Amino acid sequence: MEATLNFSTNIQLTLSQLAELARQLPQKDRAKLALMIIEEDEPMSKAELKAKIKEGLQDAKLHREGKIKLRTLTEFLADV
């Protein structure tokens, strides 16, 4: 059984230190870290947020109409 510890801190790392730590992670966790770094480059604008919400609502409508198949929660979480 693996224990998990959650804490918040402000640790400064150089890019090479971060890269070395990332190399020690399993491949799946390295991919998550890369996505987190990329996604937090810039905050989402109000217009981008509205567009994403609108797209999600459109996808939900198409799914209800049977025109598209959405991923299950299990499939989604497997990708995260």
PDB file of N, CA and C in Angstrom:
ATOM      1  N   MET A   1       0.846  -1.178   0.000  1.00  0.00           N
ATOM      2  CA  MET A   1       0.000   0.000   0.000  1.00  0.00           C
ATOM      3  C   MET A   1       0.890   1.239   0.000  1.00  0.00           C
ATOM      4  N   GLU A   2       0.568   2.195  -0.861  1.00  0.00           N
ATOM      5  CA  GLU A   2       1.369   3.405  -0.992  1.00  0.00           C
ATOM      6  C   GLU A   2       0.711   4.539  -0.221  1.00  0.00           C
ATOM      7  N   ALA A   3       1.472   5.212   0.595  1.00  0.00           N
ATOM      8  CA  ALA A   3       0.961   6.353   1.352  1.00  0.00           C
ATOM      9  C   ALA A   3       1.187   7.625   0.549  1.00  0.00           C
ATOM     10  N   THR A   4       0.273   8.559   0.683  1.00  0.00           N
ATOM     11  CA  THR A   4       0.383   9.831  -0.025  1.00  0.00           C
ATOM     12  C   THR A   4       0.388  10.957   0.993  1.00  0.00           C
ATOM     13  N   LEU A   5       1.276  11.908   0.785  1.00  0.00           N
ATOM     14  CA  LEU A   5       1.379  13.072   1.656  1.00  0.00           C
ATOM     15  C   LEU A   5       1.149  14.307   0.817  1.00  0.00           C
ATOM     16  N   ASN A   6       0.195  15.118   1.206  1.00  0.00           N
ATOM     17  CA  ASN A   6      -0.086  16.368   0.502  1.00  0.00           C
ATOM     18  C   ASN A   6       0.354  17.535   1.363  1.00  0.00           C
ATOM     19  N   PHE A   7       1.150  18.429   0.782  1.00  0.00           N
ATOM     20  CA  PHE A   7       1.545  19.632   1.495  1.00  0.00           C
ATOM     21  C   PHE A   7       1.818  20.724   0.485  1.00  0.00           C
ATOM     22  N   SER A   8       1.791  21.947   0.950  1.00  0.00           N
ATOM     23  CA  SER A   8       2.023  23.088   0.091  1.00  0.00           C
ATOM     24  C   SER A   8       3.274  23.803   0.579  1.00  0.00           C
ATOM     25  N   THR A   9       4.165  24.098  -0.366  1.00  0.00           N
ATOM     26  CA  THR A   9       5.396  24.786   0.001  1.00  0.00           C
ATOM     27  C   THR A   9       5.903  25.578  -1.193  1.00  0.00           C
ATOM     28  N   ASN A  10       6.851  26.425  -0.956  1.00  0.00           N
ATOM     29  CA  ASN A  10       7.444  27.215  -2.020  1.00  0.00           C
ATOM     30  C   ASN A  10       8.929  26.857  -2.093  1.00  0.00           C
ATOM     31  N   ILE A  11       9.254  25.906  -2.953  1.00  0.00           N
ATOM     32  CA  ILE A  11      10.633  25.461  -3.111  1.00  0.00           C
ATOM     33  C   ILE A  11      11.137  25.942  -4.467  1.00  0.00           C
ATOM     34  N   GLN A  12      12.278  26.585  -4.465  1.00  0.00           N
ATOM     35  CA  GLN A  12      12.848  27.064  -5.721  1.00  0.00           C
ATOM     36  C   GLN A  12      13.826  26.031  -6.256  1.00  0.00           C
ATOM     37  N   LEU A  13      13.623  25.644  -7.517  1.00  0.00           N
ATOM     38  CA  LEU A  13      14.497  24.685  -8.180  1.00  0.00           C
ATOM     39  C   LEU A  13      15.009  25.278  -9.478  1.00  0.00           C
ATOM     40  N   THR A  14      16.215  24.901  -9.842  1.00  0.00           N
ATOM     41  CA  THR A  14      16.707  25.278 -11.157  1.00  0.00           C
ATOM     42  C   THR A  14      16.058  24.328 -12.165  1.00  0.00           C
ATOM     43  N   LEU A  15      16.123  24.678 -13.414  1.00  0.00           N
ATOM     44  CA  LEU A  15      15.572  23.822 -14.459  1.00  0.00           C
ATOM     45  C   LEU A  15      16.247  22.452 -14.467  1.00  0.00           C
ATOM     46  N   SER A  16      17.562  22.418 -14.271  1.00  0.00           N
ATOM     47  CA  SER A  16      18.272  21.131 -14.259  1.00  0.00           C
ATOM     48  C   SER A  16      17.869  20.292 -13.041  1.00  0.00           C
ATOM     49  N   GLN A  17      17.607  20.919 -11.902  1.00  0.00           N
ATOM     50  CA  GLN A  17      17.150  20.183 -10.725  1.00  0.00           C
ATOM     51  C   GLN A  17      15.760  19.590 -10.963  1.00  0.00           C
ATOM     52  N   LEU A  18      14.884  20.382 -11.570  1.00  0.00           N
ATOM     53  CA  LEU A  18      13.551  19.894 -11.887  1.00  0.00           C
ATOM     54  C   LEU A  18      13.615  18.734 -12.873  1.00  0.00           C
ATOM     55  N   ALA A  19      14.473  18.864 -13.879  1.00  0.00           N
ATOM     56  CA  ALA A  19      14.625  17.791 -14.863  1.00  0.00           C
ATOM     57  C   ALA A  19      15.132  16.514 -14.203  1.00  0.00           C
ATOM     58  N   GLU A  20      16.064  16.625 -13.279  1.00  0.00           N
ATOM     59  CA  GLU A  20      16.596  15.454 -12.573  1.00  0.00           C
ATOM     60  C   GLU A  20      15.509  14.793 -11.729  1.00  0.00           C
ATOM     61  N   LEU A  21      14.716  15.589 -11.048  1.00  0.00           N
ATOM     62  CA  LEU A  21      13.606  15.028 -10.270  1.00  0.00           C
ATOM     63  C   LEU A  21      12.594  14.341 -11.183  1.00  0.00           C
ATOM     64  N   ALA A  22      12.299  14.948 -12.327  1.00  0.00           N
ATOM     65  CA  ALA A  22      11.340  14.368 -13.270  1.00  0.00           C
ATOM     66  C   ALA A  22      11.829  13.027 -13.805  1.00  0.00           C
ATOM     67  N   ARG A  23      13.138  12.896 -14.032  1.00  0.00           N
ATOM     68  CA  ARG A  23      13.697  11.628 -14.532  1.00  0.00           C
ATOM     69  C   ARG A  23      13.472  10.483 -13.554  1.00  0.00           C
ATOM     70  N   GLN A  24      13.303  10.798 -12.286  1.00  0.00           N
ATOM     71  CA  GLN A  24      13.111   9.769 -11.263  1.00  0.00           C
ATOM     72  C   GLN A  24      11.653   9.313 -11.161  1.00  0.00           C
ATOM     73  N   LEU A  25      10.749  10.024 -11.823  1.00  0.00           N
ATOM     74  CA  LEU A  25       9.338   9.671 -11.781  1.00  0.00           C
ATOM     75  C   LEU A  25       9.019   8.579 -12.803  1.00  0.00           C
ATOM     76  N   PRO A  26       7.973   7.804 -12.535  1.00  0.00           N
ATOM     77  CA  PRO A  26       7.504   6.856 -13.554  1.00  0.00           C
ATOM     78  C   PRO A  26       7.033   7.627 -14.788  1.00  0.00           C
ATOM     79  N   GLN A  27       7.040   7.004 -15.941  1.00  0.00           N
ATOM     80  CA  GLN A  27       6.702   7.660 -17.207  1.00  0.00           C
ATOM     81  C   GLN A  27       5.357   8.376 -17.144  1.00  0.00           C
ATOM     82  N   LYS A  28       4.342   7.735 -16.579  1.00  0.00           N
ATOM     83  CA  LYS A  28       3.007   8.334 -16.514  1.00  0.00           C
ATOM     84  C   LYS A  28       3.041   9.624 -15.695  1.00  0.00           C
ATOM     85  N   ASP A  29       3.769   9.620 -14.584  1.00  0.00           N
ATOM     86  CA  ASP A  29       3.861  10.812 -13.743  1.00  0.00           C
ATOM     87  C   ASP A  29       4.667  11.910 -14.416  1.00  0.00           C
ATOM     88  N   ARG A  30       5.683  11.519 -15.202  1.00  0.00           N
ATOM     89  CA  ARG A  30       6.450  12.528 -15.963  1.00  0.00           C
ATOM     90  C   ARG A  30       5.537  13.239 -16.951  1.00  0.00           C
ATOM     91  N   ALA A  31       4.658  12.473 -17.592  1.00  0.00           N
ATOM     92  CA  ALA A  31       3.729  13.070 -18.553  1.00  0.00           C
ATOM     93  C   ALA A  31       2.776  14.035 -17.849  1.00  0.00           C
ATOM     94  N   LYS A  32       2.288  13.666 -16.675  1.00  0.00           N
ATOM     95  CA  LYS A  32       1.416  14.552 -15.900  1.00  0.00           C
ATOM     96  C   LYS A  32       2.136  15.849 -15.544  1.00  0.00           C
ATOM     97  N   LEU A  33       3.391  15.720 -15.098  1.00  0.00           N
ATOM     98  CA  LEU A  33       4.176  16.894 -14.729  1.00  0.00           C
ATOM     99  C   LEU A  33       4.360  17.816 -15.929  1.00  0.00           C
ATOM    100  N   ALA A  34       4.655  17.240 -17.076  1.00  0.00           N
ATOM    101  CA  ALA A  34       4.841  18.041 -18.292  1.00  0.00           C
ATOM    102  C   ALA A  34       3.557  18.796 -18.635  1.00  0.00           C
ATOM    103  N   LEU A  35       2.413  18.128 -18.537  1.00  0.00           N
ATOM    104  CA  LEU A  35       1.139  18.794 -18.818  1.00  0.00           C
ATOM    105  C   LEU A  35       0.860  19.913 -17.827  1.00  0.00           C
ATOM    106  N   MET A  36       1.175  19.675 -16.566  1.00  0.00           N
ATOM    107  CA  MET A  36       0.954  20.703 -15.556  1.00  0.00           C
ATOM    108  C   MET A  36       1.803  21.939 -15.853  1.00  0.00           C
ATOM    109  N   ILE A  37       3.033  21.731 -16.244  1.00  0.00           N
ATOM    110  CA  ILE A  37       3.926  22.855 -16.535  1.00  0.00           C
ATOM    111  C   ILE A  37       3.435  23.622 -17.752  1.00  0.00           C
ATOM    112  N   ILE A  38       3.030  22.908 -18.772  1.00  0.00           N
ATOM    113  CA  ILE A  38       2.555  23.542 -20.003  1.00  0.00           C
ATOM    114  C   ILE A  38       1.258  24.298 -19.754  1.00  0.00           C
ATOM    115  N   GLU A  39       0.319  23.678 -19.050  1.00  0.00           N
ATOM    116  CA  GLU A  39      -0.995  24.277 -18.849  1.00  0.00           C
ATOM    117  C   GLU A  39      -0.956  25.498 -17.953  1.00  0.00           C
ATOM    118  N   GLU A  40       0.018  25.619 -17.091  1.00  0.00           N
ATOM    119  CA  GLU A  40       0.053  26.743 -16.169  1.00  0.00           C
ATOM    120  C   GLU A  40       0.899  27.898 -16.689  1.00  0.00           C
ATOM    121  N   ASP A  41       1.210  27.871 -17.985  1.00  0.00           N
ATOM    122  CA  ASP A  41       1.972  28.965 -18.573  1.00  0.00           C
ATOM    123  C   ASP A  41       1.247  30.295 -18.432  1.00  0.00           C
ATOM    124  N   GLU A  42      -0.003  30.321 -18.868  1.00  0.00           N
ATOM    125  CA  GLU A  42      -0.782  31.551 -18.814  1.00  0.00           C
ATOM    126  C   GLU A  42      -2.168  31.230 -18.293  1.00  0.00           C
ATOM    127  N   PRO A  43      -2.729  32.098 -17.472  1.00  0.00           N
ATOM    128  CA  PRO A  43      -4.096  31.867 -17.021  1.00  0.00           C
ATOM    129  C   PRO A  43      -5.061  31.963 -18.206  1.00  0.00           C
ATOM    130  N   MET A  44      -6.155  31.245 -18.118  1.00  0.00           N
ATOM    131  CA  MET A  44      -7.151  31.255 -19.177  1.00  0.00           C
ATOM    132  C   MET A  44      -7.929  32.573 -19.120  1.00  0.00           C
ATOM    133  N   SER A  45      -8.153  33.168 -20.278  1.00  0.00           N
ATOM    134  CA  SER A  45      -8.925  34.412 -20.319  1.00  0.00           C
ATOM    135  C   SER A  45     -10.409  34.101 -20.156  1.00  0.00           C
ATOM    136  N   LYS A  46     -11.171  35.125 -19.869  1.00  0.00           N
ATOM    137  CA  LYS A  46     -12.616  34.961 -19.703  1.00  0.00           C
ATOM    138  C   LYS A  46     -13.237  34.429 -20.998  1.00  0.00           C
ATOM    139  N   ALA A  47     -12.785  34.945 -22.130  1.00  0.00           N
ATOM    140  CA  ALA A  47     -13.314  34.510 -23.429  1.00  0.00           C
ATOM    141  C   ALA A  47     -12.973  33.035 -23.690  1.00  0.00           C
ATOM    142  N   GLU A  48     -11.739  32.627 -23.340  1.00  0.00           N
ATOM    143  CA  GLU A  48     -11.349  31.221 -23.522  1.00  0.00           C
ATOM    144  C   GLU A  48     -12.183  30.307 -22.633  1.00  0.00           C
ATOM    145  N   LEU A  49     -12.428  30.734 -21.402  1.00  0.00           N
ATOM    146  CA  LEU A  49     -13.236  29.945 -20.480  1.00  0.00           C
ATOM    147  C   LEU A  49     -14.658  29.792 -21.013  1.00  0.00           C
ATOM    148  N   LYS A  50     -15.230  30.892 -21.487  1.00  0.00           N
ATOM    149  CA  LYS A  50     -16.578  30.830 -22.059  1.00  0.00           C
ATOM    150  C   LYS A  50     -16.617  29.885 -23.255  1.00  0.00           C
ATOM    151  N   ALA A  51     -15.600  29.942 -24.105  1.00  0.00           N
ATOM    152  CA  ALA A  51     -15.553  29.076 -25.288  1.00  0.00           C
ATOM    153  C   ALA A  51     -15.460  27.605 -24.882  1.00  0.00           C
ATOM    154  N   LYS A  52     -14.654  27.301 -23.862  1.00  0.00           N
ATOM    155  CA  LYS A  52     -14.526  25.919 -23.393  1.00  0.00           C
ATOM    156  C   LYS A  52     -15.830  25.412 -22.787  1.00  0.00           C
ATOM    157  N   ILE A  53     -16.507  26.255 -22.030  1.00  0.00           N
ATOM    158  CA  ILE A  53     -17.798  25.871 -21.446  1.00  0.00           C
ATOM    159  C   ILE A  53     -18.818  25.623 -22.560  1.00  0.00           C
ATOM    160  N   LYS A  54     -18.842  26.523 -23.537  1.00  0.00           N
ATOM    161  CA  LYS A  54     -19.774  26.378 -24.664  1.00  0.00           C
ATOM    162  C   LYS A  54     -19.487  25.081 -25.420  1.00  0.00           C
ATOM    163  N   GLU A  55     -18.215  24.776 -25.647  1.00  0.00           N
ATOM    164  CA  GLU A  55     -17.836  23.540 -26.332  1.00  0.00           C
ATOM    165  C   GLU A  55     -18.282  22.312 -25.536  1.00  0.00           C
ATOM    166  N   GLY A  56     -18.100  22.352 -24.224  1.00  0.00           N
ATOM    167  CA  GLY A  56     -18.522  21.242 -23.377  1.00  0.00           C
ATOM    168  C   GLY A  56     -20.024  21.027 -23.404  1.00  0.00           C
ATOM    169  N   LEU A  57     -20.781  22.127 -23.374  1.00  0.00           N
ATOM    170  CA  LEU A  57     -22.233  22.025 -23.442  1.00  0.00           C
ATOM    171  C   LEU A  57     -22.684  21.484 -24.795  1.00  0.00           C
ATOM    172  N   GLN A  58     -22.016  21.891 -25.859  1.00  0.00           N
ATOM    173  CA  GLN A  58     -22.324  21.381 -27.205  1.00  0.00           C
ATOM    174  C   GLN A  58     -22.035  19.886 -27.276  1.00  0.00           C
ATOM    175  N   ASP A  59     -20.910  19.451 -26.697  1.00  0.00           N
ATOM    176  CA  ASP A  59     -20.580  18.020 -26.664  1.00  0.00           C
ATOM    177  C   ASP A  59     -21.636  17.235 -25.891  1.00  0.00           C
ATOM    178  N   ALA A  60     -22.099  17.788 -24.770  1.00  0.00           N
ATOM    179  CA  ALA A  60     -23.132  17.120 -23.970  1.00  0.00           C
ATOM    180  C   ALA A  60     -24.422  16.985 -24.780  1.00  0.00           C
ATOM    181  N   LYS A  61     -24.775  18.037 -25.517  1.00  0.00           N
ATOM    182  CA  LYS A  61     -25.981  18.004 -26.350  1.00  0.00           C
ATOM    183  C   LYS A  61     -25.850  16.930 -27.434  1.00  0.00           C
ATOM    184  N   LEU A  62     -24.715  16.900 -28.109  1.00  0.00           N
ATOM    185  CA  LEU A  62     -24.497  15.900 -29.162  1.00  0.00           C
ATOM    186  C   LEU A  62     -24.520  14.485 -28.595  1.00  0.00           C
ATOM    187  N   HIS A  63     -23.990  14.320 -27.391  1.00  0.00           N
ATOM    188  CA  HIS A  63     -24.001  13.005 -26.751  1.00  0.00           C
ATOM    189  C   HIS A  63     -25.439  12.576 -26.444  1.00  0.00           C
ATOM    190  N   ARG A  64     -26.234  13.490 -25.904  1.00  0.00           N
ATOM    191  CA  ARG A  64     -27.635  13.170 -25.600  1.00  0.00           C
ATOM    192  C   ARG A  64     -28.398  12.788 -26.859  1.00  0.00           C
ATOM    193  N   GLU A  65     -28.038  13.422 -27.988  1.00  0.00           N
ATOM    194  CA  GLU A  65     -28.695  13.132 -29.266  1.00  0.00           C
ATOM    195  C   GLU A  65     -28.146  11.857 -29.912  1.00  0.00           C
ATOM    196  N   GLY A  66     -27.127  11.257 -29.287  1.00  0.00           N
ATOM    197  CA  GLY A  66     -26.548  10.026 -29.822  1.00  0.00           C
ATOM    198  C   GLY A  66     -25.601  10.242 -30.990  1.00  0.00           C
ATOM    199  N   LYS A  67     -25.161  11.465 -31.202  1.00  0.00           N
ATOM    200  CA  LYS A  67     -24.292  11.779 -32.342  1.00  0.00           C
ATOM    201  C   LYS A  67     -22.813  11.573 -32.039  1.00  0.00           C
ATOM    202  N   ILE A  68     -22.432  11.637 -30.756  1.00  0.00           N
ATOM    203  CA  ILE A  68     -21.048  11.372 -30.370  1.00  0.00           C
ATOM    204  C   ILE A  68     -21.040  10.514 -29.108  1.00  0.00           C
ATOM    205  N   LYS A  69     -19.928   9.830 -28.888  1.00  0.00           N
ATOM    206  CA  LYS A  69     -19.753   9.033 -27.678  1.00  0.00           C
ATOM    207  C   LYS A  69     -18.678   9.720 -26.840  1.00  0.00           C
ATOM    208  N   LEU A  70     -18.997  10.006 -25.593  1.00  0.00           N
ATOM    209  CA  LEU A  70     -18.045  10.645 -24.690  1.00  0.00           C
ATOM    210  C   LEU A  70     -17.272   9.591 -23.911  1.00  0.00           C
ATOM    211  N   ARG A  71     -16.092   9.961 -23.437  1.00  0.00           N
ATOM    212  CA  ARG A  71     -15.300   9.049 -22.603  1.00  0.00           C
ATOM    213  C   ARG A  71     -15.966   8.869 -21.248  1.00  0.00           C
ATOM    214  N   THR A  72     -15.796   7.695 -20.691  1.00  0.00           N
ATOM    215  CA  THR A  72     -16.297   7.461 -19.341  1.00  0.00           C
ATOM    216  C   THR A  72     -15.353   8.132 -18.353  1.00  0.00           C
ATOM    217  N   LEU A  73     -15.778   8.252 -17.099  1.00  0.00           N
ATOM    218  CA  LEU A  73     -14.935   8.835 -16.065  1.00  0.00           C
ATOM    219  C   LEU A  73     -13.660   8.002 -15.907  1.00  0.00           C
ATOM    220  N   THR A  74     -13.793   6.692 -15.962  1.00  0.00           N
ATOM    221  CA  THR A  74     -12.632   5.812 -15.840  1.00  0.00           C
ATOM    222  C   THR A  74     -11.624   6.074 -16.958  1.00  0.00           C
ATOM    223  N   GLU A  75     -12.119   6.237 -18.190  1.00  0.00           N
ATOM    224  CA  GLU A  75     -11.226   6.524 -19.325  1.00  0.00           C
ATOM    225  C   GLU A  75     -10.541   7.875 -19.147  1.00  0.00           C
ATOM    226  N   PHE A  76     -11.316   8.869 -18.688  1.00  0.00           N
ATOM    227  CA  PHE A  76     -10.768  10.202 -18.471  1.00  0.00           C
ATOM    228  C   PHE A  76      -9.672  10.178 -17.416  1.00  0.00           C
ATOM    229  N   LEU A  77      -9.951   9.535 -16.287  1.00  0.00           N
ATOM    230  CA  LEU A  77      -8.976   9.503 -15.199  1.00  0.00           C
ATOM    231  C   LEU A  77      -7.729   8.707 -15.570  1.00  0.00           C
ATOM    232  N   ALA A  78      -7.871   7.738 -16.453  1.00  0.00           N
ATOM    233  CA  ALA A  78      -6.703   6.963 -16.893  1.00  0.00           C
ATOM    234  C   ALA A  78      -5.739   7.848 -17.695  1.00  0.00           C
ATOM    235  N   ASP A  79      -6.266   8.885 -18.336  1.00  0.00           N
ATOM    236  CA  ASP A  79      -5.436   9.786 -19.141  1.00  0.00           C
ATOM    237  C   ASP A  79      -4.788  10.881 -18.315  1.00  0.00           C
ATOM    238  N   VAL A  80      -5.335  11.154 -17.150  1.00  0.00           N
ATOM    239  CA  VAL A  80      -4.833  12.267 -16.328  1.00  0.00           C
ATOM    240  C   VAL A  80      -3.578  11.945 -15.656  1.00  0.00           C
TER     241      VAL A  80
END
